[in-house]
Amino acid sequence: MSRQSTYNAVLIIAFFLTSAVILSGCHVGKEYTRPEVVTDTSFIFSHNNDSANIALIKWDSIFTDTVLKALIDSGLKNNLDLRIAVERIKESQSLLSQKGAEFEPTLGLELRGSVSRISPNSNEGGQETKPQYNYRGGFTASWEADIWGKLSSAERGAYADLLRTEAAKRTIQTKLIADIANEYYNLLLYRTQEKIITETIRNREEDLLTVMILKNSALLTEADVKQSEANVYSAKLLLPRLYKNINISENVINRLLGRTPRKLVYGDLDDSPQQMIDTSAGYPSQLLLNRPDIAESEQALVSAFENTNVARANFYPTFRITASAGLEAFSIGDFFSFPGSIFATAIGDIFQPIFNKRKNKTELEVALARQRTSAYSFRGSFIRAVQEVSDALFNYKISGEIINLYSLQTEALDLALEYSRELLVSGYANYIDVLRAEDQYLSSRLEFSRARADRLQAGVELYRSLGGGWR
């Protein structure tokens, strides 16, 4: 290779590199700006706009029940959905690394040997039809200049996808903690109701003995005895249904913990400490932007936005430089003959699509439609979050009032049942009044326990709706 040829190759490469640098500022992509969302919503029952938020508190400070904490901790370590989310994050990290590497030139090693023989009967044939050998070895390189910002947009889109998968993991974690807590409180409720029903069965069996005595004393009839006996069975029928619910909740928890069904050890509502939730602080809706599902939705929008930039850039020319250098000879003996065997090529390529079967236009239209869809989804996720917090805060507040009313009702029905039994023994009431009082008292006790569990689950929902549990 002569000095003049080398000089000319250098000039060509320098020309294209200079052109690439000059044109690199000609980005056609747009810069992402967050769509307008409601950020001044004031929730009902909010006393102020303090930025304090229970969502900022770690989950183990909210749920202090030691059994529940152990279950949640096991779920965070072993839940299969969380493990899948971690693998998706790793996948997104690899894709982001790939997009970042697109800015770098490619470099390859080529080793090639060939042999060819021209047919003497062809147009190119002649007297000399011996095989022709060729040996070639060297490096090839290519580089695409990011003139219109296509590679930069693709990298930003991949980074948004990474953030989206990380937010998706946090969303799963928040939901996982809430699901475990809700099922655990169901189990506490069922265990409490089991105690109530067992106590009721024992009392009704004692009532049956009393009714039989009164029947022998001619104060009651055989019909009253049978009604009392049926009343015992009606209470016993509640237990199998309760055990069915216990089995379902235990299986759900075991699935959330990533394991096969097994029995769990737990107490009842009286054994579990109350949640540490302070609702005196306000919950400005701007904090909802920290909810992982909203962050996930916004990063999906960012990714769609950057894909639109890529689709726009496809309408503009692609600038690429390719080069190769190495050794080439017709025989192995001359392969390492310097400088005669040295070869080098440099090509600057600008490709401008003109007619492409509408491919680029279709890709842009699809990208714009997906971007609008993602924008609507982001807006919808924010509105849904505001609604969830408003509902959860209202339910948590009202659940305290419901508990208080059920407590008063249960106390009143307890006294009413006691008076009915005394009047029955004294002959001033019939047994139907006693049966009615027993049913009302049992129903009120069961509903009272349900209200207590609802209060705990309302706290779980408030914590989840505010985006707590992933920190």
Protein backbone atom coordinates (compact mmCIF):
# COMPACT_ATOMS: atom_id res chain seq x y z
CA MET A 1 0.00 0.00 0.00
CA SER A 2 1.60 3.32 -1.11
CA ARG A 3 1.94 6.36 1.08
CA GLN A 4 -0.40 8.29 -1.21
CA SER A 5 -3.11 5.63 -0.85
CA THR A 6 -2.73 5.63 2.90
CA TYR A 7 -2.94 9.41 2.94
CA ASN A 8 -6.11 9.38 0.84
CA ALA A 9 -7.75 6.74 3.10
CA VAL A 10 -6.98 8.86 6.15
CA LEU A 11 -8.51 11.90 4.44
CA ILE A 12 -11.69 9.96 3.64
CA ILE A 13 -12.10 8.72 7.21
CA ALA A 14 -11.35 12.18 8.61
CA PHE A 15 -13.95 13.71 6.30
CA PHE A 16 -16.70 11.36 7.39
CA LEU A 17 -15.79 11.61 11.06
CA THR A 18 -15.86 15.41 10.89
CA SER A 19 -19.22 15.28 9.14
CA ALA A 20 -20.57 12.94 11.81
CA VAL A 21 -19.43 15.25 14.62
CA ILE A 22 -20.97 18.30 12.94
CA LEU A 23 -24.28 16.57 12.29
CA SER A 24 -24.42 14.84 15.70
CA GLY A 25 -26.23 17.84 17.15
CA CYS A 26 -29.09 17.50 14.68
CA HIS A 27 -31.36 15.42 16.91
CA VAL A 28 -34.93 15.13 15.69
CA GLY A 29 -36.26 13.54 18.87
CA LYS A 30 -38.31 15.45 21.45
CA GLU A 31 -37.66 15.73 25.17
CA TYR A 32 -40.02 13.94 27.52
CA THR A 33 -42.18 16.03 29.85
CA ARG A 34 -44.56 14.54 32.37
CA PRO A 35 -48.25 14.92 31.43
CA GLU A 36 -50.37 17.08 33.69
CA VAL A 37 -51.81 15.17 36.63
CA VAL A 38 -53.93 16.33 39.52
CA THR A 39 -51.52 17.24 42.31
CA ASP A 40 -53.68 19.39 44.55
CA THR A 41 -56.40 16.92 45.46
CA SER A 42 -57.32 17.16 49.13
CA PHE A 43 -58.70 13.99 50.61
CA ILE A 44 -61.65 13.79 52.88
CA PHE A 45 -60.65 13.54 56.55
CA SER A 46 -57.20 15.02 55.84
CA HIS A 47 -56.38 17.49 58.59
CA ASN A 48 -53.42 19.15 56.91
CA ASN A 49 -51.00 18.89 54.04
CA ASP A 50 -48.08 17.59 56.02
CA SER A 51 -45.77 15.54 53.86
CA ALA A 52 -45.65 12.89 56.57
CA ASN A 53 -47.03 9.69 55.17
CA ILE A 54 -47.39 6.24 56.64
CA ALA A 55 -46.21 4.88 53.28
CA LEU A 56 -42.73 6.14 54.18
CA ILE A 57 -42.66 3.90 57.25
CA LYS A 58 -41.20 0.42 56.87
CA TRP A 59 -43.71 -2.39 56.92
CA ASP A 60 -42.31 -4.03 60.06
CA SER A 61 -43.03 -0.83 61.98
CA ILE A 62 -46.68 -0.93 60.88
CA PHE A 63 -47.32 -4.65 61.39
CA THR A 64 -45.87 -5.51 64.80
CA ASP A 65 -47.43 -8.96 65.20
CA THR A 66 -44.42 -11.29 65.45
CA VAL A 67 -46.14 -14.16 63.63
CA LEU A 68 -47.25 -11.86 60.82
CA LYS A 69 -43.78 -10.30 60.55
CA ALA A 70 -42.23 -13.76 60.19
CA LEU A 71 -44.71 -14.68 57.44
CA ILE A 72 -44.10 -11.45 55.51
CA ASP A 73 -40.34 -11.82 55.83
CA SER A 74 -40.56 -15.37 54.47
CA GLY A 75 -42.76 -14.17 51.60
CA LEU A 76 -40.28 -11.44 50.64
CA LYS A 77 -37.54 -14.06 50.44
CA ASN A 78 -39.40 -16.88 48.73
CA ASN A 79 -42.37 -15.52 46.77
CA LEU A 80 -42.13 -16.75 43.20
CA ASP A 81 -43.65 -13.62 41.63
CA LEU A 82 -40.96 -11.53 43.32
CA ARG A 83 -38.25 -13.85 42.03
CA ILE A 84 -39.67 -13.56 38.52
CA ALA A 85 -39.64 -9.76 38.89
CA VAL A 86 -35.96 -9.87 39.88
CA GLU A 87 -35.13 -11.89 36.76
CA ARG A 88 -37.02 -9.38 34.62
CA ILE A 89 -34.92 -6.61 36.13
CA LYS A 90 -31.78 -8.53 35.16
CA GLU A 91 -33.16 -8.94 31.67
CA SER A 92 -33.80 -5.18 31.40
CA GLN A 93 -30.29 -4.45 32.70
CA SER A 94 -28.79 -6.60 29.93
CA LEU A 95 -30.93 -4.90 27.29
CA LEU A 96 -29.86 -1.48 28.58
CA SER A 97 -26.20 -2.52 28.39
CA GLN A 98 -26.81 -3.64 24.82
CA LYS A 99 -28.36 -0.29 23.86
CA GLY A 100 -25.42 1.53 25.43
CA ALA A 101 -22.98 -0.57 23.42
CA GLU A 102 -24.65 0.55 20.18
CA PHE A 103 -22.60 3.78 20.37
CA GLU A 104 -19.36 1.82 20.15
CA PRO A 105 -17.81 0.53 16.93
CA THR A 106 -17.93 -3.15 16.10
CA LEU A 107 -14.66 -4.99 15.62
CA GLY A 108 -14.26 -8.44 14.15
CA LEU A 109 -11.52 -10.82 13.08
CA GLU A 110 -11.83 -12.42 9.65
CA LEU A 111 -9.82 -15.40 8.42
CA ARG A 112 -10.77 -16.70 5.00
CA GLY A 113 -9.41 -19.07 2.40
CA SER A 114 -10.98 -19.65 -1.01
CA VAL A 115 -10.38 -21.55 -4.21
CA SER A 116 -12.12 -21.03 -7.54
CA ARG A 117 -11.87 -22.50 -11.05
CA ILE A 118 -13.32 -20.78 -14.09
CA SER A 119 -15.11 -23.01 -16.59
CA PRO A 120 -13.37 -22.96 -19.99
CA ASN A 121 -16.82 -23.03 -21.60
CA SER A 122 -17.92 -19.76 -19.95
CA ASN A 123 -17.52 -16.23 -21.22
CA GLU A 124 -14.65 -15.74 -18.81
CA GLY A 125 -12.98 -19.02 -19.69
CA GLY A 126 -9.75 -19.28 -21.64
CA GLN A 127 -6.62 -21.31 -21.99
CA GLU A 128 -5.80 -20.92 -18.29
CA THR A 129 -8.29 -22.86 -16.19
CA LYS A 130 -6.14 -23.70 -13.20
CA PRO A 131 -7.69 -23.23 -9.74
CA GLN A 132 -7.13 -19.80 -8.24
CA TYR A 133 -6.36 -19.64 -4.51
CA ASN A 134 -6.84 -16.67 -2.18
CA TYR A 135 -5.98 -16.25 1.48
CA ARG A 136 -7.23 -13.34 3.52
CA GLY A 137 -6.98 -12.39 7.18
CA GLY A 138 -7.53 -9.16 9.04
CA PHE A 139 -9.85 -6.98 11.10
CA THR A 140 -13.15 -5.43 10.10
CA ALA A 141 -14.79 -2.51 11.93
CA SER A 142 -17.94 -0.44 11.53
CA TRP A 143 -19.45 2.50 13.37
CA GLU A 144 -22.81 4.23 13.08
CA ALA A 145 -22.96 7.91 14.01
CA ASP A 146 -25.89 8.89 16.23
CA ILE A 147 -26.64 11.95 14.12
CA TRP A 148 -30.40 12.15 14.67
CA GLY A 149 -30.42 10.86 18.23
CA LYS A 150 -31.87 7.47 17.34
CA LEU A 151 -29.38 5.51 19.44
CA SER A 152 -29.72 7.94 22.34
CA SER A 153 -33.50 7.62 22.31
CA ALA A 154 -33.26 3.83 22.18
CA GLU A 155 -30.92 3.88 25.19
CA ARG A 156 -33.25 6.17 27.15
CA GLY A 157 -36.15 3.89 26.29
CA ALA A 158 -34.22 0.88 27.56
CA TYR A 159 -33.39 2.74 30.76
CA ALA A 160 -37.09 3.55 31.21
CA ASP A 161 -37.86 -0.15 30.74
CA LEU A 162 -35.35 -0.95 33.48
CA LEU A 163 -36.98 1.54 35.85
CA ARG A 164 -40.37 0.11 34.93
CA THR A 165 -39.33 -3.44 35.84
CA GLU A 166 -37.87 -2.18 39.13
CA ALA A 167 -41.14 -0.36 39.87
CA ALA A 168 -43.06 -3.50 38.92
CA LYS A 169 -41.06 -5.43 41.52
CA ARG A 170 -41.93 -2.84 44.15
CA THR A 171 -45.60 -3.05 43.13
CA ILE A 172 -45.52 -6.82 43.57
CA GLN A 173 -43.82 -6.44 46.95
CA THR A 174 -46.40 -3.93 48.19
CA LYS A 175 -49.25 -6.18 47.09
CA LEU A 176 -47.55 -9.25 48.55
CA ILE A 177 -47.28 -7.70 52.00
CA ALA A 178 -50.91 -6.59 51.84
CA ASP A 179 -52.14 -10.00 50.67
CA ILE A 180 -50.26 -11.86 53.41
CA ALA A 181 -51.50 -9.44 56.07
CA ASN A 182 -55.13 -9.65 54.89
CA GLU A 183 -55.15 -13.46 54.86
CA TYR A 184 -53.44 -13.53 58.25
CA TYR A 185 -56.13 -11.27 59.72
CA ASN A 186 -58.72 -13.58 58.16
CA LEU A 187 -57.16 -16.46 60.07
CA LEU A 188 -57.26 -14.46 63.31
CA LEU A 189 -60.92 -13.72 62.63
CA TYR A 190 -61.74 -17.38 61.97
CA ARG A 191 -59.94 -18.46 65.13
CA THR A 192 -61.87 -15.86 67.15
CA GLN A 193 -65.15 -16.94 65.60
CA GLU A 194 -64.28 -20.56 66.34
CA LYS A 195 -63.96 -19.65 70.03
CA ILE A 196 -67.31 -17.83 69.93
CA ILE A 197 -69.09 -20.69 68.18
CA THR A 198 -67.55 -23.31 70.50
CA GLU A 199 -68.68 -21.32 73.52
CA THR A 200 -72.14 -20.91 71.98
CA ILE A 201 -72.45 -24.67 71.40
CA ARG A 202 -71.53 -25.34 75.00
CA ASN A 203 -74.12 -22.80 76.24
CA ARG A 204 -76.82 -24.17 73.98
CA GLU A 205 -76.15 -27.71 75.16
CA GLU A 206 -76.62 -26.45 78.72
CA ASP A 207 -79.83 -24.73 77.59
CA LEU A 208 -81.01 -28.05 76.15
CA LEU A 209 -80.57 -29.71 79.54
CA THR A 210 -82.49 -26.88 81.18
CA VAL A 211 -85.31 -27.19 78.65
CA MET A 212 -85.53 -30.95 79.26
CA ILE A 213 -85.80 -30.33 83.00
CA LEU A 214 -88.52 -27.74 82.44
CA LYS A 215 -90.31 -30.16 80.14
CA ASN A 216 -90.26 -32.85 82.83
CA SER A 217 -91.71 -30.24 85.17
CA ALA A 218 -94.53 -29.66 82.65
CA LEU A 219 -93.42 -26.04 82.15
CA LEU A 220 -92.33 -26.66 78.52
CA THR A 221 -93.32 -29.09 75.80
CA GLU A 222 -91.51 -31.70 73.67
CA ALA A 223 -91.61 -29.21 70.80
CA ASP A 224 -89.52 -26.81 72.90
CA VAL A 225 -87.02 -29.62 73.51
CA LYS A 226 -86.70 -30.32 69.80
CA GLN A 227 -86.32 -26.61 69.01
CA SER A 228 -83.56 -26.39 71.59
CA GLU A 229 -81.87 -29.47 70.14
CA ALA A 230 -82.08 -27.98 66.62
CA ASN A 231 -80.58 -24.79 68.00
CA VAL A 232 -77.50 -26.77 69.10
CA TYR A 233 -77.11 -28.28 65.63
CA SER A 234 -77.44 -24.89 63.93
CA ALA A 235 -74.44 -23.66 65.95
CA LYS A 236 -72.44 -26.81 65.20
CA LEU A 237 -73.08 -26.38 61.47
CA LEU A 238 -71.10 -23.15 61.56
CA LEU A 239 -67.84 -24.94 62.41
CA PRO A 240 -67.34 -26.99 59.20
CA ARG A 241 -67.84 -23.87 57.10
CA LEU A 242 -65.37 -22.04 59.28
CA TYR A 243 -62.77 -24.81 58.92
CA LYS A 244 -63.21 -24.64 55.15
CA ASN A 245 -62.36 -20.93 55.20
CA ILE A 246 -59.36 -21.58 57.46
CA ASN A 247 -58.02 -24.17 55.04
CA ILE A 248 -58.41 -21.79 52.09
CA SER A 249 -56.63 -18.90 53.84
CA GLU A 250 -53.77 -21.12 55.02
CA ASN A 251 -53.28 -22.43 51.49
CA VAL A 252 -53.28 -18.88 50.09
CA ILE A 253 -50.60 -17.80 52.57
CA ASN A 254 -48.47 -20.85 51.80
CA ARG A 255 -48.73 -20.10 48.08
CA LEU A 256 -47.69 -16.49 48.69
CA LEU A 257 -44.71 -17.82 50.64
CA GLY A 258 -43.74 -19.99 47.67
CA ARG A 259 -44.35 -23.34 49.34
CA THR A 260 -46.79 -26.22 49.36
CA PRO A 261 -49.77 -26.32 51.80
CA ARG A 262 -49.03 -26.85 55.49
CA LYS A 263 -50.61 -25.93 58.80
CA LEU A 264 -49.83 -22.57 60.34
CA VAL A 265 -49.57 -21.62 63.99
CA TYR A 266 -51.32 -18.39 65.03
CA GLY A 267 -53.60 -16.95 67.69
CA ASP A 268 -56.76 -14.88 67.44
CA LEU A 269 -57.76 -11.24 67.36
CA ASP A 270 -57.24 -10.88 71.09
CA ASP A 271 -53.62 -12.04 70.81
CA SER A 272 -52.58 -9.77 67.94
CA PRO A 273 -51.28 -6.25 68.67
CA GLN A 274 -52.88 -3.32 66.92
CA GLN A 275 -51.34 -1.67 63.88
CA MET A 276 -49.25 1.46 64.40
CA ILE A 277 -51.16 3.76 62.04
CA ASP A 278 -51.46 7.50 62.59
CA THR A 279 -54.12 9.12 60.41
CA SER A 280 -53.67 12.61 61.83
CA ALA A 281 -51.33 13.61 58.99
CA GLY A 282 -52.69 14.57 55.61
CA TYR A 283 -52.09 12.65 52.43
CA PRO A 284 -51.47 15.12 49.60
CA SER A 285 -52.01 13.46 46.26
CA GLN A 286 -48.60 14.53 45.00
CA LEU A 287 -47.11 11.82 47.20
CA LEU A 288 -49.00 9.27 45.15
CA LEU A 289 -46.40 9.77 42.45
CA ASN A 290 -44.18 7.68 44.71
CA ARG A 291 -46.55 4.74 44.41
CA PRO A 292 -44.67 1.98 42.58
CA ASP A 293 -47.54 1.22 40.23
CA ILE A 294 -47.72 4.87 39.17
CA ALA A 295 -43.96 4.94 38.68
CA GLU A 296 -44.27 1.77 36.61
CA SER A 297 -46.98 3.34 34.48
CA GLU A 298 -44.97 6.51 33.91
CA GLN A 299 -41.82 4.64 32.90
CA ALA A 300 -43.89 2.68 30.39
CA LEU A 301 -44.95 6.06 28.99
CA VAL A 302 -41.32 7.24 28.84
CA SER A 303 -40.33 4.08 26.98
CA ALA A 304 -43.17 4.55 24.48
CA PHE A 305 -42.18 8.21 24.06
CA GLU A 306 -38.57 7.31 23.25
CA ASN A 307 -39.71 4.63 20.83
CA THR A 308 -41.58 7.37 19.01
CA ASN A 309 -38.33 9.34 18.76
CA VAL A 310 -36.65 6.29 17.27
CA ALA A 311 -39.45 5.93 14.73
CA ARG A 312 -39.04 9.59 13.70
CA ALA A 313 -35.28 9.21 13.30
CA ASN A 314 -35.82 6.32 10.90
CA PHE A 315 -37.02 8.85 8.29
CA TYR A 316 -33.57 10.44 8.18
CA PRO A 317 -30.31 9.20 6.63
CA THR A 318 -28.18 6.63 8.41
CA PHE A 319 -24.48 7.49 8.53
CA ARG A 320 -22.09 4.54 8.84
CA ILE A 321 -18.33 4.08 8.46
CA THR A 322 -16.86 0.64 7.74
CA ALA A 323 -13.21 -0.23 7.50
CA SER A 324 -11.08 -3.32 7.15
CA ALA A 325 -7.34 -4.00 7.15
CA GLY A 326 -5.10 -7.06 7.10
CA LEU A 327 -3.17 -9.40 4.86
CA GLU A 328 -4.20 -10.97 1.55
CA ALA A 329 -2.29 -13.18 -0.92
CA PHE A 330 -2.81 -15.80 -3.60
CA SER A 331 -0.44 -18.24 -1.85
CA ILE A 332 0.43 -19.09 1.72
CA GLY A 333 4.08 -18.40 1.03
CA ASP A 334 3.37 -14.77 0.09
CA PHE A 335 0.84 -14.19 2.90
CA PHE A 336 3.34 -12.58 5.26
CA SER A 337 5.12 -10.63 2.54
CA PHE A 338 5.30 -7.00 3.65
CA PRO A 339 4.14 -4.56 2.47
CA GLY A 340 2.82 -6.28 -0.62
CA SER A 341 0.21 -8.41 1.21
CA ILE A 342 -1.21 -5.53 3.26
CA PHE A 343 -4.69 -4.32 2.31
CA ALA A 344 -6.97 -1.66 3.81
CA THR A 345 -10.39 -0.29 2.91
CA ALA A 346 -12.50 2.54 4.34
CA ILE A 347 -16.09 3.25 3.30
CA GLY A 348 -18.37 6.06 4.37
CA ASP A 349 -22.02 5.17 3.80
CA ILE A 350 -25.05 7.46 3.96
CA PHE A 351 -28.36 5.70 3.41
CA GLN A 352 -31.58 7.66 2.95
CA PRO A 353 -34.82 5.64 2.75
CA ILE A 354 -37.14 6.84 -0.04
CA PHE A 355 -39.67 4.12 -0.80
CA ASN A 356 -39.81 1.55 1.96
CA LYS A 357 -43.25 -0.02 1.48
CA ARG A 358 -44.65 2.41 4.10
CA LYS A 359 -42.65 0.65 6.82
CA ASN A 360 -41.26 3.79 8.49
CA LYS A 361 -44.60 5.61 8.40
CA THR A 362 -46.40 2.61 9.86
CA GLU A 363 -43.81 2.29 12.64
CA LEU A 364 -44.26 5.97 13.55
CA GLU A 365 -48.06 5.74 13.55
CA VAL A 366 -47.93 2.64 15.75
CA ALA A 367 -45.40 4.27 18.10
CA LEU A 368 -47.58 7.39 18.44
CA ALA A 369 -50.68 5.29 19.15
CA ARG A 370 -48.81 3.33 21.81
CA GLN A 371 -47.51 6.54 23.31
CA ARG A 372 -51.04 7.95 23.60
CA THR A 373 -52.24 4.67 25.09
CA SER A 374 -49.46 4.80 27.69
CA ALA A 375 -50.35 8.41 28.50
CA TYR A 376 -53.97 7.46 29.11
CA SER A 377 -52.85 4.54 31.27
CA PHE A 378 -50.61 6.82 33.33
CA ARG A 379 -53.44 9.28 33.85
CA GLY A 380 -55.81 6.43 34.71
CA SER A 381 -53.39 4.92 37.23
CA PHE A 382 -53.12 8.26 39.01
CA ILE A 383 -56.88 8.76 39.19
CA ARG A 384 -57.30 5.17 40.39
CA ALA A 385 -54.69 5.75 43.08
CA VAL A 386 -56.46 8.87 44.34
CA GLN A 387 -59.72 6.92 44.52
CA GLU A 388 -58.08 4.02 46.35
CA VAL A 389 -56.54 6.29 48.98
CA SER A 390 -59.78 8.19 49.44
CA ASP A 391 -61.74 4.94 49.85
CA ALA A 392 -59.14 3.38 52.14
CA LEU A 393 -58.93 6.44 54.39
CA PHE A 394 -62.71 6.65 54.65
CA ASN A 395 -63.03 2.92 55.38
CA TYR A 396 -60.35 3.10 58.05
CA LYS A 397 -62.06 6.00 59.74
CA ILE A 398 -65.56 4.54 59.59
CA SER A 399 -64.42 1.09 60.74
CA GLY A 400 -63.71 2.48 64.21
CA GLU A 401 -67.29 3.73 64.51
CA ILE A 402 -68.66 0.38 63.35
CA ILE A 403 -66.63 -1.45 65.99
CA ASN A 404 -67.97 0.81 68.71
CA LEU A 405 -71.59 0.28 67.62
CA TYR A 406 -71.21 -3.50 67.44
CA SER A 407 -69.67 -3.46 70.92
CA LEU A 408 -72.69 -1.62 72.32
CA GLN A 409 -75.10 -3.90 70.43
CA THR A 410 -73.41 -7.06 71.71
CA GLU A 411 -73.54 -5.84 75.31
CA ALA A 412 -77.25 -5.05 74.98
CA LEU A 413 -78.07 -8.43 73.38
CA ASP A 414 -76.07 -10.23 76.08
CA LEU A 415 -78.28 -8.67 78.73
CA ALA A 416 -81.41 -9.35 76.67
CA LEU A 417 -80.51 -13.06 76.45
CA GLU A 418 -79.85 -13.22 80.19
CA TYR A 419 -83.23 -11.60 80.96
CA SER A 420 -85.04 -13.92 78.52
CA ARG A 421 -83.62 -16.98 80.23
CA GLU A 422 -84.66 -15.70 83.66
CA LEU A 423 -88.19 -14.96 82.41
CA LEU A 424 -88.38 -18.44 80.86
CA VAL A 425 -87.52 -20.12 84.15
CA SER A 426 -90.02 -17.89 85.95
CA GLY A 427 -92.71 -18.71 83.41
CA TYR A 428 -93.09 -15.17 82.08
CA ALA A 429 -91.68 -15.87 78.61
CA ASN A 430 -91.90 -18.62 76.00
CA TYR A 431 -88.96 -20.47 74.57
CA ILE A 432 -89.26 -18.79 71.16
CA ASP A 433 -88.16 -15.53 72.79
CA VAL A 434 -85.06 -17.27 74.17
CA LEU A 435 -84.17 -18.80 70.77
CA ARG A 436 -84.53 -15.45 69.09
CA ALA A 437 -82.33 -13.79 71.70
CA GLU A 438 -79.67 -16.49 71.33
CA ASP A 439 -79.53 -16.12 67.54
CA GLN A 440 -79.29 -12.34 67.75
CA TYR A 441 -76.55 -12.50 70.36
CA LEU A 442 -74.48 -15.02 68.35
CA SER A 443 -74.90 -13.04 65.15
CA SER A 444 -73.85 -9.83 66.89
CA ARG A 445 -70.74 -11.44 68.40
CA LEU A 446 -69.68 -12.85 65.01
CA GLU A 447 -70.26 -9.50 63.31
CA PHE A 448 -68.36 -7.72 66.07
CA SER A 449 -65.35 -9.96 65.42
CA ARG A 450 -65.70 -9.35 61.69
CA ALA A 451 -65.71 -5.58 62.32
CA ARG A 452 -62.47 -5.90 64.29
CA ALA A 453 -60.85 -7.81 61.44
CA ASP A 454 -62.22 -5.31 58.93
CA ARG A 455 -60.50 -2.55 60.90
CA LEU A 456 -57.16 -4.33 60.61
CA GLN A 457 -57.66 -5.01 56.90
CA ALA A 458 -58.70 -1.39 56.33
CA GLY A 459 -55.33 -0.41 57.81
CA VAL A 460 -53.61 -2.80 55.42
CA GLU A 461 -55.45 -1.31 52.45
CA LEU A 462 -54.62 2.24 53.55
CA TYR A 463 -50.94 1.31 53.82
CA ARG A 464 -51.00 -0.38 50.40
CA SER A 465 -52.95 2.37 48.65
CA LEU A 466 -50.40 4.95 49.78
CA GLY A 467 -47.63 2.86 48.25
CA GLY A 468 -46.15 1.53 51.49
CA GLY A 469 -44.26 -1.70 51.95
CA TRP A 470 -41.51 -1.57 49.35
CA ARG A 471 -38.93 0.53 51.17
